[in-house]
Amino acid sequence: MHPKDAPNATSEEILREILDVVTCIANGHFTSRMSDNLPGLGGQIAKVLNAHLSTLQGLRGEHHRLMEEIGVTGRLGGQMEVEGTSGAWKEMVDDVNRLGHHVTMHVRDGGNVVRELLRGELSARMTAQLIQGELRQFREDLNQLAERYQRQAATTGGA
């Protein structure tokens, strides 16, 4: 619908525009917007849908940025920042940030141990807590390796 026609739109035209925008959302396209000068309830729905689309666009952009930052460029510590999120959307942002924080903490902890071992500090150990699964196994393996180096150094008269 052309924006100049929006104030005179029929219920059918408003419903068609809503369907078009909701279909775009369902297909993962968040750039579509409804006419912002629709009358009555159609106008209220347009404002809510357009705001929701802006939030989804922000979530998608931040998700992509963070994936590039961590997964491609290897920079740890990034966090999603999406204005206007609330409810389940805010929980999703917080969950992604918590995940990123924990992965960053564990990888940095392991890296610190490796650097200390390379400098000859054989008492270095990975101390990250609250980890399970493969990250826990990584911590245990790295700490066992550090202990082995420390024992070897003690028996050979090294550090």
N, C-alpha and C. Protein backbone atom coordinates (compact mmCIF):
# COMPACT_ATOMS: atom_id res chain seq x y z
N MET A 1 0.85 -1.17 0.00
CA MET A 1 0.00 0.00 0.00
C MET A 1 0.90 1.23 0.00
N HIS A 2 0.56 2.16 -0.80
CA HIS A 2 1.32 3.41 -0.87
C HIS A 2 1.01 4.25 0.37
N PRO A 3 2.02 4.83 1.02
CA PRO A 3 1.79 5.59 2.26
C PRO A 3 0.71 6.67 2.14
N LYS A 4 0.59 7.31 0.97
CA LYS A 4 -0.43 8.36 0.85
C LYS A 4 -1.84 7.78 0.88
N ASP A 5 -1.98 6.48 0.58
CA ASP A 5 -3.29 5.84 0.61
C ASP A 5 -3.64 5.28 1.98
N ALA A 6 -2.67 5.21 2.89
CA ALA A 6 -2.86 4.56 4.19
C ALA A 6 -4.01 5.14 5.02
N PRO A 7 -4.19 6.45 5.12
CA PRO A 7 -5.27 6.97 5.97
C PRO A 7 -6.66 6.54 5.49
N ASN A 8 -6.80 6.19 4.24
CA ASN A 8 -8.10 5.79 3.69
C ASN A 8 -8.18 4.28 3.45
N ALA A 9 -7.27 3.52 4.03
CA ALA A 9 -7.21 2.08 3.76
C ALA A 9 -8.45 1.37 4.30
N THR A 10 -8.86 0.36 3.57
CA THR A 10 -9.97 -0.48 4.02
C THR A 10 -9.42 -1.53 4.97
N SER A 11 -10.32 -2.15 5.71
CA SER A 11 -9.91 -3.23 6.62
C SER A 11 -9.21 -4.33 5.86
N GLU A 12 -9.68 -4.65 4.69
CA GLU A 12 -9.07 -5.70 3.87
C GLU A 12 -7.64 -5.32 3.48
N GLU A 13 -7.41 -4.07 3.10
CA GLU A 13 -6.07 -3.61 2.73
C GLU A 13 -5.13 -3.64 3.94
N ILE A 14 -5.66 -3.25 5.09
CA ILE A 14 -4.85 -3.28 6.31
C ILE A 14 -4.49 -4.71 6.66
N LEU A 15 -5.46 -5.62 6.59
CA LEU A 15 -5.19 -7.03 6.87
C LEU A 15 -4.18 -7.60 5.88
N ARG A 16 -4.27 -7.23 4.63
CA ARG A 16 -3.32 -7.68 3.60
C ARG A 16 -1.91 -7.20 3.95
N GLU A 17 -1.79 -5.95 4.36
CA GLU A 17 -0.47 -5.42 4.72
C GLU A 17 0.08 -6.13 5.96
N ILE A 18 -0.79 -6.38 6.94
CA ILE A 18 -0.36 -7.13 8.13
C ILE A 18 0.13 -8.51 7.73
N LEU A 19 -0.64 -9.19 6.87
CA LEU A 19 -0.24 -10.53 6.41
C LEU A 19 1.10 -10.49 5.69
N ASP A 20 1.30 -9.49 4.84
CA ASP A 20 2.57 -9.37 4.12
C ASP A 20 3.75 -9.22 5.08
N VAL A 21 3.58 -8.36 6.08
CA VAL A 21 4.67 -8.12 7.03
C VAL A 21 4.90 -9.35 7.90
N VAL A 22 3.84 -9.97 8.40
CA VAL A 22 3.99 -11.16 9.24
C VAL A 22 4.61 -12.30 8.43
N THR A 23 4.29 -12.40 7.15
CA THR A 23 4.91 -13.42 6.29
C THR A 23 6.41 -13.15 6.16
N CYS A 24 6.78 -11.89 6.01
CA CYS A 24 8.20 -11.55 5.96
C CYS A 24 8.90 -11.96 7.26
N ILE A 25 8.27 -11.68 8.40
CA ILE A 25 8.85 -12.07 9.69
C ILE A 25 9.02 -13.58 9.75
N ALA A 26 7.98 -14.31 9.37
CA ALA A 26 8.03 -15.77 9.41
C ALA A 26 9.14 -16.32 8.51
N ASN A 27 9.47 -15.60 7.44
CA ASN A 27 10.52 -16.03 6.52
C ASN A 27 11.89 -15.47 6.88
N GLY A 28 11.98 -14.79 8.04
CA GLY A 28 13.26 -14.29 8.51
C GLY A 28 13.72 -13.00 7.87
N HIS A 29 12.80 -12.24 7.29
CA HIS A 29 13.14 -10.95 6.68
C HIS A 29 12.59 -9.85 7.58
N PHE A 30 13.49 -9.05 8.14
CA PHE A 30 13.09 -8.07 9.14
C PHE A 30 13.16 -6.63 8.66
N THR A 31 13.30 -6.40 7.37
CA THR A 31 13.40 -5.04 6.86
C THR A 31 12.06 -4.47 6.42
N SER A 32 11.07 -5.31 6.24
CA SER A 32 9.74 -4.85 5.82
C SER A 32 9.11 -4.03 6.94
N ARG A 33 8.31 -3.03 6.58
CA ARG A 33 7.60 -2.23 7.57
C ARG A 33 6.19 -1.96 7.06
N MET A 34 5.29 -1.77 7.99
CA MET A 34 3.92 -1.38 7.66
C MET A 34 3.85 0.13 7.51
N SER A 35 2.87 0.59 6.78
CA SER A 35 2.63 2.03 6.69
C SER A 35 2.42 2.56 8.10
N ASP A 36 3.05 3.67 8.40
CA ASP A 36 2.97 4.18 9.77
C ASP A 36 1.84 5.19 9.98
N ASN A 37 1.01 5.38 8.98
CA ASN A 37 -0.09 6.34 9.17
C ASN A 37 -1.46 5.68 8.90
N LEU A 38 -1.56 4.40 9.25
CA LEU A 38 -2.85 3.71 9.12
C LEU A 38 -3.81 4.21 10.20
N PRO A 39 -5.10 4.18 9.92
CA PRO A 39 -6.07 4.65 10.91
C PRO A 39 -6.37 3.58 11.97
N GLY A 40 -6.79 4.03 13.15
CA GLY A 40 -7.36 3.16 14.19
C GLY A 40 -6.49 2.00 14.62
N LEU A 41 -7.14 0.85 14.79
CA LEU A 41 -6.48 -0.36 15.26
C LEU A 41 -5.37 -0.80 14.31
N GLY A 42 -5.58 -0.62 13.00
CA GLY A 42 -4.54 -0.95 12.03
C GLY A 42 -3.28 -0.16 12.28
N GLY A 43 -3.43 1.11 12.64
CA GLY A 43 -2.28 1.96 12.94
C GLY A 43 -1.56 1.50 14.21
N GLN A 44 -2.33 1.07 15.20
CA GLN A 44 -1.72 0.58 16.45
C GLN A 44 -0.95 -0.71 16.19
N ILE A 45 -1.57 -1.60 15.39
CA ILE A 45 -0.89 -2.86 15.03
C ILE A 45 0.38 -2.55 14.26
N ALA A 46 0.31 -1.60 13.34
CA ALA A 46 1.49 -1.23 12.55
C ALA A 46 2.63 -0.76 13.45
N LYS A 47 2.32 0.07 14.43
CA LYS A 47 3.36 0.58 15.33
C LYS A 47 4.03 -0.56 16.11
N VAL A 48 3.21 -1.50 16.61
CA VAL A 48 3.75 -2.63 17.38
C VAL A 48 4.60 -3.53 16.47
N LEU A 49 4.07 -3.86 15.29
CA LEU A 49 4.83 -4.72 14.37
C LEU A 49 6.12 -4.05 13.93
N ASN A 50 6.07 -2.78 13.62
CA ASN A 50 7.28 -2.07 13.18
C ASN A 50 8.33 -2.03 14.30
N ALA A 51 7.89 -1.81 15.53
CA ALA A 51 8.82 -1.81 16.67
C ALA A 51 9.42 -3.20 16.85
N HIS A 52 8.58 -4.22 16.71
CA HIS A 52 9.05 -5.61 16.84
C HIS A 52 10.07 -5.92 15.75
N LEU A 53 9.79 -5.47 14.54
CA LEU A 53 10.74 -5.69 13.44
C LEU A 53 12.07 -4.99 13.72
N SER A 54 12.03 -3.81 14.28
CA SER A 54 13.28 -3.11 14.63
C SER A 54 14.07 -3.90 15.66
N THR A 55 13.38 -4.45 16.66
CA THR A 55 14.04 -5.27 17.66
C THR A 55 14.65 -6.52 17.03
N LEU A 56 13.88 -7.19 16.17
CA LEU A 56 14.40 -8.40 15.51
C LEU A 56 15.60 -8.07 14.63
N GLN A 57 15.55 -6.94 13.95
CA GLN A 57 16.66 -6.52 13.12
C GLN A 57 17.89 -6.26 13.98
N GLY A 58 17.68 -5.64 15.14
CA GLY A 58 18.79 -5.39 16.06
C GLY A 58 19.37 -6.68 16.61
N LEU A 59 18.50 -7.62 16.99
CA LEU A 59 18.96 -8.92 17.49
C LEU A 59 19.78 -9.64 16.44
N ARG A 60 19.28 -9.65 15.23
CA ARG A 60 19.97 -10.33 14.15
C ARG A 60 21.33 -9.69 13.88
N GLY A 61 21.37 -8.38 13.86
CA GLY A 61 22.63 -7.68 13.62
C GLY A 61 23.66 -7.94 14.70
N GLU A 62 23.22 -7.89 15.95
CA GLU A 62 24.13 -8.14 17.06
C GLU A 62 24.59 -9.59 17.10
N HIS A 63 23.69 -10.51 16.79
CA HIS A 63 24.04 -11.93 16.74
C HIS A 63 25.12 -12.14 15.68
N HIS A 64 24.93 -11.56 14.52
CA HIS A 64 25.90 -11.70 13.44
C HIS A 64 27.24 -11.06 13.83
N ARG A 65 27.20 -9.87 14.41
CA ARG A 65 28.43 -9.19 14.83
C ARG A 65 29.21 -10.03 15.83
N LEU A 66 28.50 -10.57 16.81
CA LEU A 66 29.15 -11.37 17.84
C LEU A 66 29.72 -12.66 17.26
N MET A 67 28.98 -13.29 16.36
CA MET A 67 29.47 -14.51 15.73
C MET A 67 30.76 -14.22 14.96
N GLU A 68 30.79 -13.12 14.23
CA GLU A 68 32.00 -12.74 13.48
C GLU A 68 33.15 -12.45 14.45
N GLU A 69 32.85 -11.71 15.50
CA GLU A 69 33.87 -11.30 16.45
C GLU A 69 34.52 -12.51 17.12
N ILE A 70 33.71 -13.44 17.59
CA ILE A 70 34.23 -14.60 18.30
C ILE A 70 34.67 -15.70 17.35
N GLY A 71 33.78 -16.05 16.43
CA GLY A 71 34.02 -17.22 15.59
C GLY A 71 34.94 -17.01 14.41
N VAL A 72 35.08 -15.79 13.94
CA VAL A 72 35.90 -15.54 12.76
C VAL A 72 37.18 -14.79 13.12
N THR A 73 37.06 -13.69 13.84
CA THR A 73 38.27 -12.91 14.16
C THR A 73 38.93 -13.38 15.46
N GLY A 74 38.24 -14.22 16.23
CA GLY A 74 38.84 -14.79 17.43
C GLY A 74 38.96 -13.83 18.60
N ARG A 75 38.17 -12.77 18.60
CA ARG A 75 38.20 -11.83 19.73
C ARG A 75 37.15 -12.28 20.74
N LEU A 76 37.59 -12.54 21.93
CA LEU A 76 36.70 -13.00 22.99
C LEU A 76 36.20 -11.81 23.81
N GLY A 77 35.15 -12.02 24.56
CA GLY A 77 34.66 -11.02 25.50
C GLY A 77 33.53 -10.16 24.99
N GLY A 78 33.14 -10.30 23.73
CA GLY A 78 32.07 -9.48 23.18
C GLY A 78 30.73 -9.81 23.80
N GLN A 79 29.86 -8.83 23.80
CA GLN A 79 28.52 -8.99 24.36
C GLN A 79 27.51 -8.38 23.39
N MET A 80 26.31 -8.98 23.33
CA MET A 80 25.23 -8.42 22.52
C MET A 80 24.67 -7.21 23.24
N GLU A 81 24.36 -6.18 22.49
CA GLU A 81 23.72 -4.99 23.04
C GLU A 81 22.56 -4.64 22.14
N VAL A 82 21.33 -4.91 22.61
CA VAL A 82 20.15 -4.66 21.80
C VAL A 82 19.19 -3.79 22.61
N GLU A 83 18.98 -2.59 22.12
CA GLU A 83 18.06 -1.65 22.78
C GLU A 83 16.63 -2.14 22.69
N GLY A 84 15.87 -1.91 23.73
CA GLY A 84 14.44 -2.15 23.70
C GLY A 84 13.99 -3.58 23.86
N THR A 85 14.89 -4.49 24.23
CA THR A 85 14.45 -5.87 24.41
C THR A 85 13.83 -6.03 25.80
N SER A 86 12.85 -6.90 25.88
CA SER A 86 12.23 -7.22 27.16
C SER A 86 11.70 -8.64 27.08
N GLY A 87 11.29 -9.16 28.21
CA GLY A 87 10.71 -10.50 28.24
C GLY A 87 11.66 -11.56 27.70
N ALA A 88 11.11 -12.46 26.89
CA ALA A 88 11.90 -13.57 26.33
C ALA A 88 13.03 -13.06 25.44
N TRP A 89 12.83 -11.94 24.76
CA TRP A 89 13.89 -11.39 23.92
C TRP A 89 15.08 -10.97 24.78
N LYS A 90 14.83 -10.33 25.90
CA LYS A 90 15.91 -9.93 26.81
C LYS A 90 16.59 -11.16 27.40
N GLU A 91 15.80 -12.19 27.73
CA GLU A 91 16.38 -13.43 28.24
C GLU A 91 17.32 -14.05 27.22
N MET A 92 16.93 -14.02 25.94
CA MET A 92 17.79 -14.58 24.90
C MET A 92 19.10 -13.80 24.80
N VAL A 93 19.02 -12.49 24.85
CA VAL A 93 20.24 -11.66 24.80
C VAL A 93 21.11 -11.97 26.02
N ASP A 94 20.49 -12.02 27.19
CA ASP A 94 21.24 -12.32 28.42
C ASP A 94 21.88 -13.71 28.36
N ASP A 95 21.15 -14.69 27.81
CA ASP A 95 21.69 -16.04 27.69
C ASP A 95 22.90 -16.09 26.76
N VAL A 96 22.81 -15.42 25.62
CA VAL A 96 23.94 -15.37 24.69
C VAL A 96 25.13 -14.69 25.37
N ASN A 97 24.88 -13.62 26.10
CA ASN A 97 25.96 -12.92 26.78
C ASN A 97 26.58 -13.77 27.89
N ARG A 98 25.75 -14.51 28.61
CA ARG A 98 26.26 -15.40 29.65
C ARG A 98 27.11 -16.51 29.02
N LEU A 99 26.65 -17.07 27.91
CA LEU A 99 27.42 -18.09 27.20
C LEU A 99 28.76 -17.52 26.76
N GLY A 100 28.74 -16.36 26.14
CA GLY A 100 29.98 -15.73 25.69
C GLY A 100 30.94 -15.46 26.83
N HIS A 101 30.39 -15.00 27.96
CA HIS A 101 31.23 -14.72 29.13
C HIS A 101 31.91 -15.99 29.63
N HIS A 102 31.14 -17.07 29.75
CA HIS A 102 31.71 -18.32 30.28
C HIS A 102 32.76 -18.90 29.33
N VAL A 103 32.49 -18.92 28.04
CA VAL A 103 33.47 -19.43 27.09
C VAL A 103 34.73 -18.58 27.15
N THR A 104 34.57 -17.27 27.16
CA THR A 104 35.71 -16.37 27.24
C THR A 104 36.53 -16.64 28.50
N MET A 105 35.86 -16.77 29.63
CA MET A 105 36.54 -17.00 30.90
C MET A 105 37.37 -18.29 30.85
N HIS A 106 36.79 -19.36 30.31
CA HIS A 106 37.48 -20.65 30.29
C HIS A 106 38.65 -20.65 29.29
N VAL A 107 38.44 -20.07 28.12
CA VAL A 107 39.51 -20.04 27.13
C VAL A 107 40.66 -19.17 27.64
N ARG A 108 40.35 -18.03 28.22
CA ARG A 108 41.42 -17.16 28.75
C ARG A 108 42.16 -17.83 29.89
N ASP A 109 41.43 -18.53 30.74
CA ASP A 109 42.06 -19.25 31.85
C ASP A 109 43.04 -20.29 31.31
N GLY A 110 42.61 -21.06 30.32
CA GLY A 110 43.50 -22.06 29.71
C GLY A 110 44.69 -21.41 29.03
N GLY A 111 44.47 -20.31 28.33
CA GLY A 111 45.57 -19.61 27.68
C GLY A 111 46.57 -19.07 28.67
N ASN A 112 46.09 -18.57 29.79
CA ASN A 112 47.00 -18.07 30.84
C ASN A 112 47.88 -19.19 31.37
N VAL A 113 47.30 -20.38 31.55
CA VAL A 113 48.09 -21.51 32.05
C VAL A 113 49.17 -21.87 31.03
N VAL A 114 48.82 -21.95 29.77
CA VAL A 114 49.80 -22.29 28.74
C VAL A 114 50.93 -21.26 28.72
N ARG A 115 50.59 -19.96 28.77
CA ARG A 115 51.63 -18.92 28.76
C ARG A 115 52.54 -19.04 29.98
N GLU A 116 51.95 -19.31 31.16
CA GLU A 116 52.77 -19.45 32.37
C GLU A 116 53.68 -20.67 32.27
N LEU A 117 53.16 -21.77 31.75
CA LEU A 117 54.00 -22.96 31.58
C LEU A 117 55.16 -22.67 30.63
N LEU A 118 54.89 -21.96 29.55
CA LEU A 118 55.95 -21.61 28.60
C LEU A 118 57.01 -20.71 29.23
N ARG A 119 56.63 -19.91 30.22
CA ARG A 119 57.58 -19.05 30.92
C ARG A 119 58.30 -19.79 32.06
N GLY A 120 57.93 -21.06 32.24
CA GLY A 120 58.59 -21.84 33.27
C GLY A 120 57.87 -21.86 34.61
N GLU A 121 56.72 -21.24 34.70
CA GLU A 121 55.93 -21.23 35.93
C GLU A 121 55.12 -22.54 35.97
N LEU A 122 55.74 -23.59 36.51
CA LEU A 122 55.17 -24.93 36.43
C LEU A 122 54.07 -25.19 37.45
N SER A 123 53.78 -24.24 38.33
CA SER A 123 52.69 -24.43 39.28
C SER A 123 51.36 -23.92 38.72
N ALA A 124 51.38 -23.39 37.50
CA ALA A 124 50.16 -22.83 36.89
C ALA A 124 49.11 -23.92 36.72
N ARG A 125 47.88 -23.56 37.05
CA ARG A 125 46.76 -24.48 36.88
C ARG A 125 45.55 -23.70 36.40
N MET A 126 44.72 -24.38 35.64
CA MET A 126 43.45 -23.81 35.21
C MET A 126 42.50 -23.88 36.39
N THR A 127 41.86 -22.75 36.72
CA THR A 127 41.03 -22.68 37.93
C THR A 127 39.56 -22.44 37.65
N ALA A 128 39.18 -22.29 36.38
CA ALA A 128 37.78 -21.98 36.04
C ALA A 128 36.85 -23.01 36.68
N GLN A 129 35.82 -22.51 37.30
CA GLN A 129 34.84 -23.37 37.97
C GLN A 129 33.57 -23.43 37.14
N LEU A 130 32.62 -24.21 37.59
CA LEU A 130 31.30 -24.30 36.98
C LEU A 130 31.34 -24.76 35.53
N ILE A 131 32.29 -25.63 35.20
CA ILE A 131 32.31 -26.14 33.84
C ILE A 131 32.08 -27.63 33.85
N GLN A 132 31.45 -28.08 32.81
CA GLN A 132 31.14 -29.49 32.63
C GLN A 132 31.63 -29.93 31.26
N GLY A 133 31.43 -31.19 30.94
CA GLY A 133 31.65 -31.69 29.59
C GLY A 133 33.06 -31.50 29.08
N GLU A 134 33.14 -31.12 27.80
CA GLU A 134 34.43 -31.00 27.13
C GLU A 134 35.31 -29.91 27.74
N LEU A 135 34.72 -28.82 28.19
CA LEU A 135 35.53 -27.78 28.82
C LEU A 135 36.13 -28.27 30.13
N ARG A 136 35.37 -29.06 30.88
CA ARG A 136 35.90 -29.63 32.12
C ARG A 136 37.04 -30.60 31.80
N GLN A 137 36.85 -31.41 30.76
CA GLN A 137 37.89 -32.35 30.35
C GLN A 137 39.14 -31.60 29.91
N PHE A 138 38.96 -30.49 29.19
CA PHE A 138 40.09 -29.66 28.78
C PHE A 138 40.84 -29.16 30.00
N ARG A 139 40.11 -28.66 31.01
CA ARG A 139 40.73 -28.16 32.23
C ARG A 139 41.52 -29.28 32.91
N GLU A 140 40.91 -30.45 33.04
CA GLU A 140 41.59 -31.57 33.71
C GLU A 140 42.82 -32.01 32.94
N ASP A 141 42.73 -32.09 31.60
CA ASP A 141 43.88 -32.50 30.78
C ASP A 141 45.01 -31.48 30.88
N LEU A 142 44.67 -30.20 30.80
CA LEU A 142 45.70 -29.16 30.88
C LEU A 142 46.37 -29.17 32.25
N ASN A 143 45.59 -29.35 33.30
CA ASN A 143 46.16 -29.39 34.65
C ASN A 143 47.03 -30.63 34.84
N GLN A 144 46.62 -31.76 34.27
CA GLN A 144 47.46 -32.97 34.34
C GLN A 144 48.77 -32.78 33.60
N LEU A 145 48.70 -32.11 32.45
CA LEU A 145 49.91 -31.83 31.69
C LEU A 145 50.85 -30.93 32.51
N ALA A 146 50.30 -29.91 33.15
CA ALA A 146 51.11 -29.02 33.98
C ALA A 146 51.74 -29.80 35.14
N GLU A 147 50.98 -30.68 35.75
CA GLU A 147 51.52 -31.50 36.85
C GLU A 147 52.64 -32.41 36.36
N ARG A 148 52.48 -32.97 35.17
CA ARG A 148 53.52 -33.83 34.60
C ARG A 148 54.80 -33.04 34.37
N TYR A 149 54.67 -31.84 33.80
CA TYR A 149 55.85 -31.00 33.61
C TYR A 149 56.51 -30.67 34.94
N GLN A 150 55.68 -30.38 35.94
CA GLN A 150 56.23 -30.03 37.25
C GLN A 150 56.97 -31.23 37.85
N ARG A 151 56.41 -32.43 37.74
CA ARG A 151 57.08 -33.65 38.26
C ARG A 151 58.39 -33.92 37.51
N GLN A 152 58.34 -33.76 36.17
CA GLN A 152 59.56 -34.00 35.38
C GLN A 152 60.66 -33.01 35.76
N ALA A 153 60.26 -31.77 35.96
CA ALA A 153 61.24 -30.75 36.34
C ALA A 153 61.83 -31.06 37.71
N ALA A 154 61.01 -31.56 38.62
CA ALA A 154 61.48 -31.88 39.95
C ALA A 154 62.46 -33.05 39.94
N THR A 155 62.20 -34.04 39.08
CA THR A 155 63.09 -35.21 39.03
C THR A 155 64.37 -34.94 38.24
N THR A 156 64.35 -33.96 37.35
CA THR A 156 65.55 -33.65 36.56
C THR A 156 66.32 -32.45 37.11
N GLY A 157 65.80 -31.90 38.21
CA GLY A 157 66.46 -30.75 38.82
C GLY A 157 66.17 -29.43 38.13
N GLY A 158 65.13 -29.38 37.28
CA GLY A 158 64.75 -28.15 36.58
C GLY A 158 63.93 -27.27 37.52
N ALA A 159 63.20 -26.34 36.96
CA ALA A 159 62.38 -25.35 37.69
C ALA A 159 61.79 -25.99 38.86
